[in-house]
Amino acid sequence: MNLKRMLLLLALSAAISAVAGPQKVKTSVEKVTLFIDGAQVTRTRQVDLPAGNSTVVFTGLSPYLDDKSMQVSAKGPFTVTAVNRLFNHTDSLERSTRQKTLEQTLEETQRQLDRLKASREVVDAESELLKTNCSVANRNVATPLAAIRELNEYYAARLETLKSKTLSLDAEEEKINERRRQILAELVNLGGRQSDPMSEVEVRIEAPAACKASFTLIYYVRNAGWFPSYDIRSGGLSEPVEISYKANIFQNTGEEWKNVALTLSSSNPNTGSIAPKLQTWRLDYGLVPPRYNLNMTSNTVSGTVLDHQRKPLPGATVLIPGTTIGAVTDTRG
């Protein structure tokens, strides 16, 4: 009976692990190598893996990630069976939620303006009433001087209070209108901005037992880079000239690079390390010099990686020497 229960528990645990969904994790950027055009990003993360087949999805990656440069290295007693690049459109959903929140806030500011308008009408009505009643020129009964003085003091104090309240209402109205302008500007920005789906990297794993895995994700991303600039200073004709070399960095990848180890490189990762075969340049009228295309973005390298038994090897990283361009083999090698 105990053996049957044990077999049943094993079967149930196997079924649960089989139907378990992918494990979505966020990674932190550890270091960045910034090129003149583009950047190589390195991310790391430690993940707890269950026994059997499982899927880990690294989320929050740039939509400008280059598929050819994607590399995943893993350390642990398991096997990586496949690596795929996915797209996630949750940013559009978040934008829609933000739009609804802004619209609700805009409606609330309008209600605040309506309440301010009502308060202002009450203050204006009281001010008109005081201005009308403070006049004693048309009174039929003679008013003692002391009473007139007392009325003037009361009216002056009350009008001063109402004027102060009016200034407070004006300041609050200006604050609310400024908030409305900010909300409207953000709504226009959200409505006019196109939604670029964020990238995800799906890693399928087969582990004989539950274990801890250390993943390192490296990829090349566009919409980032740097360019040099120089400052030349001199205190006078007799003093030496100081030249300062500066780097102007831009980063529009959609990712957050916070407290990362940043390295600047003047190389081009899309250029091969193999010298081109030089062509003959004949000097004559009307002849242009030969051109060499060193860009490898239009080239394709294909093949199958086999193990010692001549079977396809999944999860192998293939790199082009001297570049960051590479790929990870799938289940077919």
C-alpha atoms as a PDB file:
ATOM      1  CA  MET A   1       0.000   0.000   0.000  1.00  0.00           C
ATOM      2  CA  ASN A   2       2.839   2.370   0.868  1.00  0.00           C
ATOM      3  CA  LEU A   3       4.525   1.559  -2.435  1.00  0.00           C
ATOM      4  CA  LYS A   4       1.351   2.451  -4.322  1.00  0.00           C
ATOM      5  CA  ARG A   5       1.084   5.759  -2.499  1.00  0.00           C
ATOM      6  CA  MET A   6       4.707   6.529  -3.262  1.00  0.00           C
ATOM      7  CA  LEU A   7       4.239   5.766  -6.939  1.00  0.00           C
ATOM      8  CA  LEU A   8       1.102   7.918  -6.956  1.00  0.00           C
ATOM      9  CA  LEU A   9       2.934  10.835  -5.367  1.00  0.00           C
ATOM     10  CA  LEU A  10       5.761  10.497  -7.874  1.00  0.00           C
ATOM     11  CA  ALA A  11       3.288  10.471 -10.738  1.00  0.00           C
ATOM     12  CA  LEU A  12       1.488  13.527  -9.381  1.00  0.00           C
ATOM     13  CA  SER A  13       4.751  15.446  -8.901  1.00  0.00           C
ATOM     14  CA  ALA A  14       5.832  14.554 -12.437  1.00  0.00           C
ATOM     15  CA  ALA A  15       2.480  15.723 -13.806  1.00  0.00           C
ATOM     16  CA  ILE A  16       2.686  18.988 -11.869  1.00  0.00           C
ATOM     17  CA  SER A  17       6.210  19.671 -13.113  1.00  0.00           C
ATOM     18  CA  ALA A  18       5.101  18.866 -16.655  1.00  0.00           C
ATOM     19  CA  VAL A  19       2.218  21.359 -16.622  1.00  0.00           C
ATOM     20  CA  ALA A  20       4.109  24.068 -14.734  1.00  0.00           C
ATOM     21  CA  GLY A  21       4.345  27.258 -16.710  1.00  0.00           C
ATOM     22  CA  PRO A  22       7.529  29.070 -17.683  1.00  0.00           C
ATOM     23  CA  GLN A  23       9.446  30.814 -14.927  1.00  0.00           C
ATOM     24  CA  LYS A  24       9.783  34.506 -15.776  1.00  0.00           C
ATOM     25  CA  VAL A  25      12.748  36.244 -14.181  1.00  0.00           C
ATOM     26  CA  LYS A  26      14.273  39.704 -14.365  1.00  0.00           C
ATOM     27  CA  THR A  27      17.995  40.135 -14.765  1.00  0.00           C
ATOM     28  CA  SER A  28      20.315  42.955 -13.792  1.00  0.00           C
ATOM     29  CA  VAL A  29      22.809  44.529 -16.181  1.00  0.00           C
ATOM     30  CA  GLU A  30      26.275  43.747 -14.867  1.00  0.00           C
ATOM     31  CA  LYS A  31      28.473  45.386 -17.498  1.00  0.00           C
ATOM     32  CA  VAL A  32      28.181  47.183 -20.828  1.00  0.00           C
ATOM     33  CA  THR A  33      30.722  47.610 -23.608  1.00  0.00           C
ATOM     34  CA  LEU A  34      29.678  50.704 -25.538  1.00  0.00           C
ATOM     35  CA  PHE A  35      30.761  50.940 -29.167  1.00  0.00           C
ATOM     36  CA  ILE A  36      30.565  53.905 -31.523  1.00  0.00           C
ATOM     37  CA  ASP A  37      27.329  52.368 -32.791  1.00  0.00           C
ATOM     38  CA  GLY A  38      25.658  49.852 -30.500  1.00  0.00           C
ATOM     39  CA  ALA A  39      26.554  48.126 -27.251  1.00  0.00           C
ATOM     40  CA  GLN A  40      27.232  44.679 -25.850  1.00  0.00           C
ATOM     41  CA  VAL A  41      25.203  44.038 -22.694  1.00  0.00           C
ATOM     42  CA  THR A  42      25.997  41.372 -20.109  1.00  0.00           C
ATOM     43  CA  ARG A  43      23.304  40.251 -17.669  1.00  0.00           C
ATOM     44  CA  THR A  44      23.490  37.695 -14.871  1.00  0.00           C
ATOM     45  CA  ARG A  45      20.953  35.874 -12.737  1.00  0.00           C
ATOM     46  CA  GLN A  46      20.801  32.855 -10.423  1.00  0.00           C
ATOM     47  CA  VAL A  47      17.640  30.735 -10.727  1.00  0.00           C
ATOM     48  CA  ASP A  48      16.265  27.762  -8.787  1.00  0.00           C
ATOM     49  CA  LEU A  49      15.365  24.987 -11.224  1.00  0.00           C
ATOM     50  CA  PRO A  50      12.957  22.113 -10.578  1.00  0.00           C
ATOM     51  CA  ALA A  51      13.633  18.535 -11.587  1.00  0.00           C
ATOM     52  CA  GLY A  52      12.640  17.562 -15.125  1.00  0.00           C
ATOM     53  CA  ASN A  53      11.904  19.846 -18.057  1.00  0.00           C
ATOM     54  CA  SER A  54      11.413  23.529 -17.314  1.00  0.00           C
ATOM     55  CA  THR A  55      11.478  26.862 -19.100  1.00  0.00           C
ATOM     56  CA  VAL A  56      13.110  30.078 -17.902  1.00  0.00           C
ATOM     57  CA  VAL A  57      12.149  33.344 -19.617  1.00  0.00           C
ATOM     58  CA  PHE A  58      14.393  36.381 -19.144  1.00  0.00           C
ATOM     59  CA  THR A  59      12.157  39.455 -19.409  1.00  0.00           C
ATOM     60  CA  GLY A  60      12.584  43.203 -19.803  1.00  0.00           C
ATOM     61  CA  LEU A  61      15.166  43.115 -22.597  1.00  0.00           C
ATOM     62  CA  SER A  62      15.568  45.765 -25.268  1.00  0.00           C
ATOM     63  CA  PRO A  63      13.351  45.590 -28.370  1.00  0.00           C
ATOM     64  CA  TYR A  64      16.488  46.428 -30.391  1.00  0.00           C
ATOM     65  CA  LEU A  65      18.306  43.235 -29.374  1.00  0.00           C
ATOM     66  CA  ASP A  66      20.197  41.580 -32.229  1.00  0.00           C
ATOM     67  CA  ASP A  67      19.233  37.896 -32.582  1.00  0.00           C
ATOM     68  CA  LYS A  68      22.552  36.920 -34.121  1.00  0.00           C
ATOM     69  CA  SER A  69      24.539  38.157 -31.132  1.00  0.00           C
ATOM     70  CA  MET A  70      22.482  36.431 -28.435  1.00  0.00           C
ATOM     71  CA  GLN A  71      24.575  34.170 -26.183  1.00  0.00           C
ATOM     72  CA  VAL A  72      23.409  32.282 -23.091  1.00  0.00           C
ATOM     73  CA  SER A  73      25.860  30.482 -20.842  1.00  0.00           C
ATOM     74  CA  ALA A  74      24.677  28.453 -17.870  1.00  0.00           C
ATOM     75  CA  LYS A  75      26.463  26.734 -14.986  1.00  0.00           C
ATOM     76  CA  GLY A  76      24.894  23.802 -13.162  1.00  0.00           C
ATOM     77  CA  PRO A  77      24.048  20.087 -13.377  1.00  0.00           C
ATOM     78  CA  PHE A  78      21.523  20.408 -16.207  1.00  0.00           C
ATOM     79  CA  THR A  79      21.263  20.582 -19.989  1.00  0.00           C
ATOM     80  CA  VAL A  80      20.078  23.542 -22.086  1.00  0.00           C
ATOM     81  CA  THR A  81      17.921  22.145 -24.872  1.00  0.00           C
ATOM     82  CA  ALA A  82      16.896  25.337 -26.678  1.00  0.00           C
ATOM     83  CA  VAL A  83      17.228  29.120 -26.654  1.00  0.00           C
ATOM     84  CA  ASN A  84      14.625  31.321 -28.370  1.00  0.00           C
ATOM     85  CA  ARG A  85      13.958  35.027 -28.670  1.00  0.00           C
ATOM     86  CA  LEU A  86      10.381  36.159 -27.881  1.00  0.00           C
ATOM     87  CA  PHE A  87       8.453  39.437 -27.935  1.00  0.00           C
ATOM     88  CA  ASN A  88       6.272  40.784 -25.137  1.00  0.00           C
ATOM     89  CA  HIS A  89       3.621  43.438 -25.723  1.00  0.00           C
ATOM     90  CA  THR A  90       2.861  44.057 -22.048  1.00  0.00           C
ATOM     91  CA  ASP A  91       4.267  47.576 -22.458  1.00  0.00           C
ATOM     92  CA  SER A  92       1.169  48.413 -24.526  1.00  0.00           C
ATOM     93  CA  LEU A  93      -1.067  47.141 -21.738  1.00  0.00           C
ATOM     94  CA  GLU A  94       0.853  49.192 -19.192  1.00  0.00           C
ATOM     95  CA  ARG A  95       0.483  52.222 -21.433  1.00  0.00           C
ATOM     96  CA  SER A  96      -3.283  51.692 -21.671  1.00  0.00           C
ATOM     97  CA  THR A  97      -3.504  51.406 -17.885  1.00  0.00           C
ATOM     98  CA  ARG A  98      -1.487  54.604 -17.551  1.00  0.00           C
ATOM     99  CA  GLN A  99      -3.808  56.371 -19.971  1.00  0.00           C
ATOM    100  CA  LYS A 100      -6.861  55.357 -17.937  1.00  0.00           C
ATOM    101  CA  THR A 101      -5.198  56.560 -14.742  1.00  0.00           C
ATOM    102  CA  LEU A 102      -4.338  59.897 -16.338  1.00  0.00           C
ATOM    103  CA  GLU A 103      -7.881  60.325 -17.668  1.00  0.00           C
ATOM    104  CA  GLN A 104      -9.305  59.644 -14.212  1.00  0.00           C
ATOM    105  CA  THR A 105      -6.880  62.159 -12.705  1.00  0.00           C
ATOM    106  CA  LEU A 106      -7.905  64.685 -15.350  1.00  0.00           C
ATOM    107  CA  GLU A 107     -11.564  64.235 -14.393  1.00  0.00           C
ATOM    108  CA  GLU A 108     -10.684  64.714 -10.726  1.00  0.00           C
ATOM    109  CA  THR A 109      -8.864  67.971 -11.490  1.00  0.00           C
ATOM    110  CA  GLN A 110     -11.935  69.192 -13.357  1.00  0.00           C
ATOM    111  CA  ARG A 111     -14.080  68.474 -10.276  1.00  0.00           C
ATOM    112  CA  GLN A 112     -11.580  70.395  -8.160  1.00  0.00           C
ATOM    113  CA  LEU A 113     -11.848  73.357 -10.540  1.00  0.00           C
ATOM    114  CA  ASP A 114     -15.653  73.219 -10.300  1.00  0.00           C
ATOM    115  CA  ARG A 115     -15.468  73.333  -6.492  1.00  0.00           C
ATOM    116  CA  LEU A 116     -13.061  76.261  -6.672  1.00  0.00           C
ATOM    117  CA  LYS A 117     -15.454  78.073  -8.997  1.00  0.00           C
ATOM    118  CA  ALA A 118     -18.321  77.584  -6.541  1.00  0.00           C
ATOM    119  CA  SER A 119     -16.179  78.865  -3.648  1.00  0.00           C
ATOM    120  CA  ARG A 120     -15.166  81.886  -5.715  1.00  0.00           C
ATOM    121  CA  GLU A 121     -18.821  82.706  -6.466  1.00  0.00           C
ATOM    122  CA  VAL A 122     -19.614  82.635  -2.745  1.00  0.00           C
ATOM    123  CA  VAL A 123     -16.679  84.936  -1.973  1.00  0.00           C
ATOM    124  CA  ASP A 124     -17.652  87.352  -4.772  1.00  0.00           C
ATOM    125  CA  ALA A 125     -21.284  87.455  -3.604  1.00  0.00           C
ATOM    126  CA  GLU A 126     -20.244  88.230  -0.019  1.00  0.00           C
ATOM    127  CA  SER A 127     -17.861  90.924  -1.244  1.00  0.00           C
ATOM    128  CA  GLU A 128     -20.639  92.609  -3.256  1.00  0.00           C
ATOM    129  CA  LEU A 129     -22.952  92.410  -0.239  1.00  0.00           C
ATOM    130  CA  LEU A 130     -20.374  94.073   2.011  1.00  0.00           C
ATOM    131  CA  LYS A 131     -19.695  96.825  -0.528  1.00  0.00           C
ATOM    132  CA  THR A 132     -23.425  97.568  -0.737  1.00  0.00           C
ATOM    133  CA  ASN A 133     -24.108  97.574   3.009  1.00  0.00           C
ATOM    134  CA  CYS A 134     -21.024  99.504   4.063  1.00  0.00           C
ATOM    135  CA  SER A 135     -22.383 102.681   2.466  1.00  0.00           C
ATOM    136  CA  VAL A 136     -24.136 104.955   5.042  1.00  0.00           C
ATOM    137  CA  ALA A 137     -24.800 107.889   2.721  1.00  0.00           C
ATOM    138  CA  ASN A 138     -28.432 106.869   2.027  1.00  0.00           C
ATOM    139  CA  ARG A 139     -29.363 105.944   5.608  1.00  0.00           C
ATOM    140  CA  ASN A 140     -32.470 107.825   6.951  1.00  0.00           C
ATOM    141  CA  VAL A 141     -31.441 107.506  10.578  1.00  0.00           C
ATOM    142  CA  ALA A 142     -28.367 109.318  11.745  1.00  0.00           C
ATOM    143  CA  THR A 143     -25.630 106.902  12.692  1.00  0.00           C
ATOM    144  CA  PRO A 144     -23.337 107.757  15.585  1.00  0.00           C
ATOM    145  CA  LEU A 145     -19.677 108.283  14.731  1.00  0.00           C
ATOM    146  CA  ALA A 146     -18.577 105.418  16.980  1.00  0.00           C
ATOM    147  CA  ALA A 147     -20.944 103.027  15.191  1.00  0.00           C
ATOM    148  CA  ILE A 148     -19.673 104.166  11.803  1.00  0.00           C
ATOM    149  CA  ARG A 149     -16.106 103.605  12.957  1.00  0.00           C
ATOM    150  CA  GLU A 150     -17.025 100.134  14.230  1.00  0.00           C
ATOM    151  CA  LEU A 151     -18.783  99.267  10.955  1.00  0.00           C
ATOM    152  CA  ASN A 152     -15.807 100.447   8.907  1.00  0.00           C
ATOM    153  CA  GLU A 153     -13.432  98.330  10.954  1.00  0.00           C
ATOM    154  CA  TYR A 154     -15.671  95.284  10.562  1.00  0.00           C
ATOM    155  CA  TYR A 155     -16.086  95.764   6.822  1.00  0.00           C
ATOM    156  CA  ALA A 156     -12.359  96.384   6.300  1.00  0.00           C
ATOM    157  CA  ALA A 157     -11.408  93.265   8.269  1.00  0.00           C
ATOM    158  CA  ARG A 158     -13.993  91.139   6.476  1.00  0.00           C
ATOM    159  CA  LEU A 159     -13.008  92.432   3.026  1.00  0.00           C
ATOM    160  CA  GLU A 160      -9.367  91.743   3.834  1.00  0.00           C
ATOM    161  CA  THR A 161     -10.280  88.172   4.806  1.00  0.00           C
ATOM    162  CA  LEU A 162     -12.254  87.688   1.584  1.00  0.00           C
ATOM    163  CA  LYS A 163      -9.395  89.142  -0.487  1.00  0.00           C
ATOM    164  CA  SER A 164      -6.934  86.737   1.146  1.00  0.00           C
ATOM    165  CA  LYS A 165      -9.278  83.848   0.420  1.00  0.00           C
ATOM    166  CA  THR A 166      -9.515  84.972  -3.212  1.00  0.00           C
ATOM    167  CA  LEU A 167      -5.722  84.957  -3.539  1.00  0.00           C
ATOM    168  CA  SER A 168      -5.589  81.448  -2.041  1.00  0.00           C
ATOM    169  CA  LEU A 169      -8.216  80.266  -4.525  1.00  0.00           C
ATOM    170  CA  ASP A 170      -6.245  81.830  -7.393  1.00  0.00           C
ATOM    171  CA  ALA A 171      -3.044  80.062  -6.309  1.00  0.00           C
ATOM    172  CA  GLU A 172      -4.825  76.721  -5.956  1.00  0.00           C
ATOM    173  CA  GLU A 173      -6.460  77.131  -9.354  1.00  0.00           C
ATOM    174  CA  GLU A 174      -3.094  77.872 -10.978  1.00  0.00           C
ATOM    175  CA  LYS A 175      -1.628  74.755  -9.360  1.00  0.00           C
ATOM    176  CA  ILE A 176      -4.482  72.585 -10.634  1.00  0.00           C
ATOM    177  CA  ASN A 177      -4.233  74.064 -14.148  1.00  0.00           C
ATOM    178  CA  GLU A 178      -0.489  73.347 -14.208  1.00  0.00           C
ATOM    179  CA  ARG A 179      -1.227  69.752 -13.191  1.00  0.00           C
ATOM    180  CA  ARG A 180      -3.818  69.512 -15.990  1.00  0.00           C
ATOM    181  CA  ARG A 181      -1.278  70.760 -18.534  1.00  0.00           C
ATOM    182  CA  GLN A 182       1.187  68.083 -17.441  1.00  0.00           C
ATOM    183  CA  ILE A 183      -1.472  65.363 -17.668  1.00  0.00           C
ATOM    184  CA  LEU A 184      -2.589  66.509 -21.126  1.00  0.00           C
ATOM    185  CA  ALA A 185       1.026  66.584 -22.351  1.00  0.00           C
ATOM    186  CA  GLU A 186       1.620  63.043 -21.081  1.00  0.00           C
ATOM    187  CA  LEU A 187      -1.599  61.836 -22.699  1.00  0.00           C
ATOM    188  CA  VAL A 188      -0.508  63.320 -26.023  1.00  0.00           C
ATOM    189  CA  ASN A 189       2.889  61.654 -25.639  1.00  0.00           C
ATOM    190  CA  LEU A 190       1.343  58.277 -24.866  1.00  0.00           C
ATOM    191  CA  GLY A 191      -1.103  58.529 -27.714  1.00  0.00           C
ATOM    192  CA  GLY A 192       1.529  59.451 -30.289  1.00  0.00           C
ATOM    193  CA  ARG A 193       4.247  57.032 -29.265  1.00  0.00           C
ATOM    194  CA  GLN A 194       4.458  53.698 -31.026  1.00  0.00           C
ATOM    195  CA  SER A 195       4.636  50.613 -28.857  1.00  0.00           C
ATOM    196  CA  ASP A 196       7.812  48.611 -29.385  1.00  0.00           C
ATOM    197  CA  PRO A 197       7.449  45.128 -27.884  1.00  0.00           C
ATOM    198  CA  MET A 198      10.094  44.294 -25.306  1.00  0.00           C
ATOM    199  CA  SER A 199      12.308  41.305 -26.002  1.00  0.00           C
ATOM    200  CA  GLU A 200      12.471  38.109 -23.980  1.00  0.00           C
ATOM    201  CA  VAL A 201      14.871  35.173 -24.114  1.00  0.00           C
ATOM    202  CA  GLU A 202      13.363  31.743 -23.534  1.00  0.00           C
ATOM    203  CA  VAL A 203      15.719  29.014 -22.279  1.00  0.00           C
ATOM    204  CA  ARG A 204      14.475  25.420 -22.111  1.00  0.00           C
ATOM    205  CA  ILE A 205      16.225  23.217 -19.598  1.00  0.00           C
ATOM    206  CA  GLU A 206      16.319  19.548 -18.663  1.00  0.00           C
ATOM    207  CA  ALA A 207      17.580  18.854 -15.123  1.00  0.00           C
ATOM    208  CA  PRO A 208      17.829  15.396 -13.492  1.00  0.00           C
ATOM    209  CA  ALA A 209      17.199  16.942 -10.055  1.00  0.00           C
ATOM    210  CA  ALA A 210      16.297  20.278  -8.504  1.00  0.00           C
ATOM    211  CA  CYS A 211      19.313  22.588  -8.493  1.00  0.00           C
ATOM    212  CA  LYS A 212      20.560  26.179  -8.672  1.00  0.00           C
ATOM    213  CA  ALA A 213      21.584  27.601 -12.026  1.00  0.00           C
ATOM    214  CA  SER A 214      23.744  30.613 -12.830  1.00  0.00           C
ATOM    215  CA  PHE A 215      22.908  32.238 -16.167  1.00  0.00           C
ATOM    216  CA  THR A 216      24.917  34.807 -18.110  1.00  0.00           C
ATOM    217  CA  LEU A 217      23.151  36.512 -21.000  1.00  0.00           C
ATOM    218  CA  ILE A 218      25.203  38.485 -23.538  1.00  0.00           C
ATOM    219  CA  TYR A 219      23.800  40.285 -26.569  1.00  0.00           C
ATOM    220  CA  TYR A 220      24.384  43.213 -28.906  1.00  0.00           C
ATOM    221  CA  VAL A 221      21.835  46.044 -28.888  1.00  0.00           C
ATOM    222  CA  ARG A 222      21.330  49.027 -31.182  1.00  0.00           C
ATOM    223  CA  ASN A 223      20.229  52.611 -30.395  1.00  0.00           C
ATOM    224  CA  ALA A 224      23.188  53.238 -28.125  1.00  0.00           C
ATOM    225  CA  GLY A 225      26.720  54.483 -28.598  1.00  0.00           C
ATOM    226  CA  TRP A 226      29.120  57.349 -28.037  1.00  0.00           C
ATOM    227  CA  PHE A 227      31.119  59.939 -29.947  1.00  0.00           C
ATOM    228  CA  PRO A 228      34.219  61.903 -28.930  1.00  0.00           C
ATOM    229  CA  SER A 229      34.494  65.609 -28.300  1.00  0.00           C
ATOM    230  CA  TYR A 230      37.433  67.815 -27.349  1.00  0.00           C
ATOM    231  CA  ASP A 231      37.966  70.869 -25.152  1.00  0.00           C
ATOM    232  CA  ILE A 232      41.010  73.034 -25.890  1.00  0.00           C
ATOM    233  CA  ARG A 233      41.999  75.519 -23.179  1.00  0.00           C
ATOM    234  CA  SER A 234      44.916  77.830 -22.606  1.00  0.00           C
ATOM    235  CA  GLY A 235      45.548  80.357 -19.854  1.00  0.00           C
ATOM    236  CA  GLY A 236      47.767  82.549 -22.007  1.00  0.00           C
ATOM    237  CA  LEU A 237      50.314  82.698 -24.785  1.00  0.00           C
ATOM    238  CA  SER A 238      53.095  81.555 -22.482  1.00  0.00           C
ATOM    239  CA  GLU A 239      51.159  78.635 -21.006  1.00  0.00           C
ATOM    240  CA  PRO A 240      50.719  75.183 -22.560  1.00  0.00           C
ATOM    241  CA  VAL A 241      47.509  74.190 -24.308  1.00  0.00           C
ATOM    242  CA  GLU A 242      45.345  71.635 -22.499  1.00  0.00           C
ATOM    243  CA  ILE A 243      43.278  69.238 -24.586  1.00  0.00           C
ATOM    244  CA  SER A 244      40.508  67.317 -22.824  1.00  0.00           C
ATOM    245  CA  TYR A 245      39.133  64.203 -24.497  1.00  0.00           C
ATOM    246  CA  LYS A 246      35.479  63.572 -23.670  1.00  0.00           C
ATOM    247  CA  ALA A 247      32.924  60.919 -24.566  1.00  0.00           C
ATOM    248  CA  ASN A 248      29.301  61.851 -25.303  1.00  0.00           C
ATOM    249  CA  ILE A 249      27.115  58.845 -24.528  1.00  0.00           C
ATOM    250  CA  PHE A 250      23.565  58.166 -25.691  1.00  0.00           C
ATOM    251  CA  GLN A 251      21.337  55.262 -24.695  1.00  0.00           C
ATOM    252  CA  ASN A 252      17.866  54.761 -26.198  1.00  0.00           C
ATOM    253  CA  THR A 253      17.576  50.983 -25.916  1.00  0.00           C
ATOM    254  CA  GLY A 254      14.520  50.960 -23.650  1.00  0.00           C
ATOM    255  CA  GLU A 255      16.555  49.299 -20.896  1.00  0.00           C
ATOM    256  CA  GLU A 256      17.837  50.714 -17.626  1.00  0.00           C
ATOM    257  CA  TRP A 257      21.608  50.756 -17.182  1.00  0.00           C
ATOM    258  CA  LYS A 258      22.063  51.635 -13.535  1.00  0.00           C
ATOM    259  CA  ASN A 259      25.383  51.312 -11.680  1.00  0.00           C
ATOM    260  CA  VAL A 260      26.948  49.195 -14.444  1.00  0.00           C
ATOM    261  CA  ALA A 261      30.599  48.643 -15.299  1.00  0.00           C
ATOM    262  CA  LEU A 262      30.866  50.710 -18.482  1.00  0.00           C
ATOM    263  CA  THR A 263      33.632  50.255 -21.055  1.00  0.00           C
ATOM    264  CA  LEU A 264      34.029  52.496 -24.104  1.00  0.00           C
ATOM    265  CA  SER A 265      35.298  50.950 -27.318  1.00  0.00           C
ATOM    266  CA  SER A 266      36.049  52.583 -30.653  1.00  0.00           C
ATOM    267  CA  SER A 267      35.711  49.310 -32.589  1.00  0.00           C
ATOM    268  CA  ASN A 268      32.800  48.151 -34.708  1.00  0.00           C
ATOM    269  CA  PRO A 269      31.413  44.738 -33.670  1.00  0.00           C
ATOM    270  CA  ASN A 270      29.890  44.228 -37.120  1.00  0.00           C
ATOM    271  CA  THR A 271      33.279  44.403 -38.840  1.00  0.00           C
ATOM    272  CA  GLY A 272      35.216  41.206 -39.378  1.00  0.00           C
ATOM    273  CA  SER A 273      38.712  40.608 -38.058  1.00  0.00           C
ATOM    274  CA  ILE A 274      39.926  39.090 -41.361  1.00  0.00           C
ATOM    275  CA  ALA A 275      41.776  41.528 -43.588  1.00  0.00           C
ATOM    276  CA  PRO A 276      40.191  41.942 -47.042  1.00  0.00           C
ATOM    277  CA  LYS A 277      42.031  40.922 -50.183  1.00  0.00           C
ATOM    278  CA  LEU A 278      43.502  44.101 -51.591  1.00  0.00           C
ATOM    279  CA  GLN A 279      42.543  45.005 -55.139  1.00  0.00           C
ATOM    280  CA  THR A 280      44.788  46.673 -57.689  1.00  0.00           C
ATOM    281  CA  TRP A 281      44.309  50.416 -57.864  1.00  0.00           C
ATOM    282  CA  ARG A 282      45.414  51.742 -61.247  1.00  0.00           C
ATOM    283  CA  LEU A 283      46.032  55.461 -61.387  1.00  0.00           C
ATOM    284  CA  ASP A 284      44.347  57.056 -64.353  1.00  0.00           C
ATOM    285  CA  TYR A 285      41.867  59.758 -65.191  1.00  0.00           C
ATOM    286  CA  GLY A 286      38.262  58.993 -64.232  1.00  0.00           C
ATOM    287  CA  LEU A 287      39.084  55.883 -62.186  1.00  0.00           C
ATOM    288  CA  VAL A 288      37.876  55.658 -58.597  1.00  0.00           C
ATOM    289  CA  PRO A 289      39.684  53.677 -55.889  1.00  0.00           C
ATOM    290  CA  PRO A 290      38.349  50.223 -55.008  1.00  0.00           C
ATOM    291  CA  ARG A 291      35.850  49.934 -52.183  1.00  0.00           C
ATOM    292  CA  TYR A 292      35.879  47.326 -49.439  1.00  0.00           C
ATOM    293  CA  ASN A 293      32.722  46.350 -47.615  1.00  0.00           C
ATOM    294  CA  LEU A 294      33.807  45.302 -44.145  1.00  0.00           C
ATOM    295  CA  ASN A 295      30.279  45.116 -42.770  1.00  0.00           C
ATOM    296  CA  MET A 296      29.204  41.551 -42.020  1.00  0.00           C
ATOM    297  CA  THR A 297      25.526  42.226 -41.331  1.00  0.00           C
ATOM    298  CA  SER A 298      24.516  40.879 -44.754  1.00  0.00           C
ATOM    299  CA  ASN A 299      26.519  37.644 -44.438  1.00  0.00           C
ATOM    300  CA  THR A 300      25.171  34.399 -43.035  1.00  0.00           C
ATOM    301  CA  VAL A 301      27.063  31.561 -41.380  1.00  0.00           C
ATOM    302  CA  SER A 302      25.222  28.236 -41.073  1.00  0.00           C
ATOM    303  CA  GLY A 303      26.027  24.687 -40.096  1.00  0.00           C
ATOM    304  CA  THR A 304      25.405  21.904 -37.577  1.00  0.00           C
ATOM    305  CA  VAL A 305      27.320  21.277 -34.361  1.00  0.00           C
ATOM    306  CA  LEU A 306      27.828  17.556 -33.593  1.00  0.00           C
ATOM    307  CA  ASP A 307      29.089  15.790 -30.480  1.00  0.00           C
ATOM    308  CA  HIS A 308      31.652  12.957 -30.375  1.00  0.00           C
ATOM    309  CA  GLN A 309      28.893  10.486 -31.362  1.00  0.00           C
ATOM    310  CA  ARG A 310      28.065  12.551 -34.463  1.00  0.00           C
ATOM    311  CA  LYS A 311      24.720  13.598 -33.003  1.00  0.00           C
ATOM    312  CA  PRO A 312      23.345  17.176 -33.004  1.00  0.00           C
ATOM    313  CA  LEU A 313      24.567  19.119 -29.952  1.00  0.00           C
ATOM    314  CA  PRO A 314      21.996  21.565 -28.485  1.00  0.00           C
ATOM    315  CA  GLY A 315      22.925  24.574 -26.364  1.00  0.00           C
ATOM    316  CA  ALA A 316      26.369  25.101 -27.925  1.00  0.00           C
ATOM    317  CA  THR A 317      27.545  28.708 -28.335  1.00  0.00           C
ATOM    318  CA  VAL A 318      29.001  29.559 -31.752  1.00  0.00           C
ATOM    319  CA  LEU A 319      30.938  32.815 -32.179  1.00  0.00           C
ATOM    320  CA  ILE A 320      32.608  34.574 -35.080  1.00  0.00           C
ATOM    321  CA  PRO A 321      36.199  35.246 -33.938  1.00  0.00           C
ATOM    322  CA  GLY A 322      36.944  38.862 -33.170  1.00  0.00           C
ATOM    323  CA  THR A 323      33.277  39.884 -32.920  1.00  0.00           C
ATOM    324  CA  THR A 324      30.319  39.617 -30.568  1.00  0.00           C
ATOM    325  CA  ILE A 325      28.181  38.003 -33.260  1.00  0.00           C
ATOM    326  CA  GLY A 326      27.143  34.476 -32.409  1.00  0.00           C
ATOM    327  CA  ALA A 327      24.293  32.097 -31.771  1.00  0.00           C
ATOM    328  CA  VAL A 328      23.253  29.190 -29.582  1.00  0.00           C
ATOM    329  CA  THR A 329      22.360  25.875 -31.270  1.00  0.00           C
ATOM    330  CA  ASP A 330      18.852  24.463 -30.947  1.00  0.00           C
ATOM    331  CA  THR A 331      17.761  20.849 -30.497  1.00  0.00           C
ATOM    332  CA  ARG A 332      18.882  20.083 -34.058  1.00  0.00           C
ATOM    333  CA  GLY A 333      22.367  21.451 -33.411  1.00  0.00           C
END
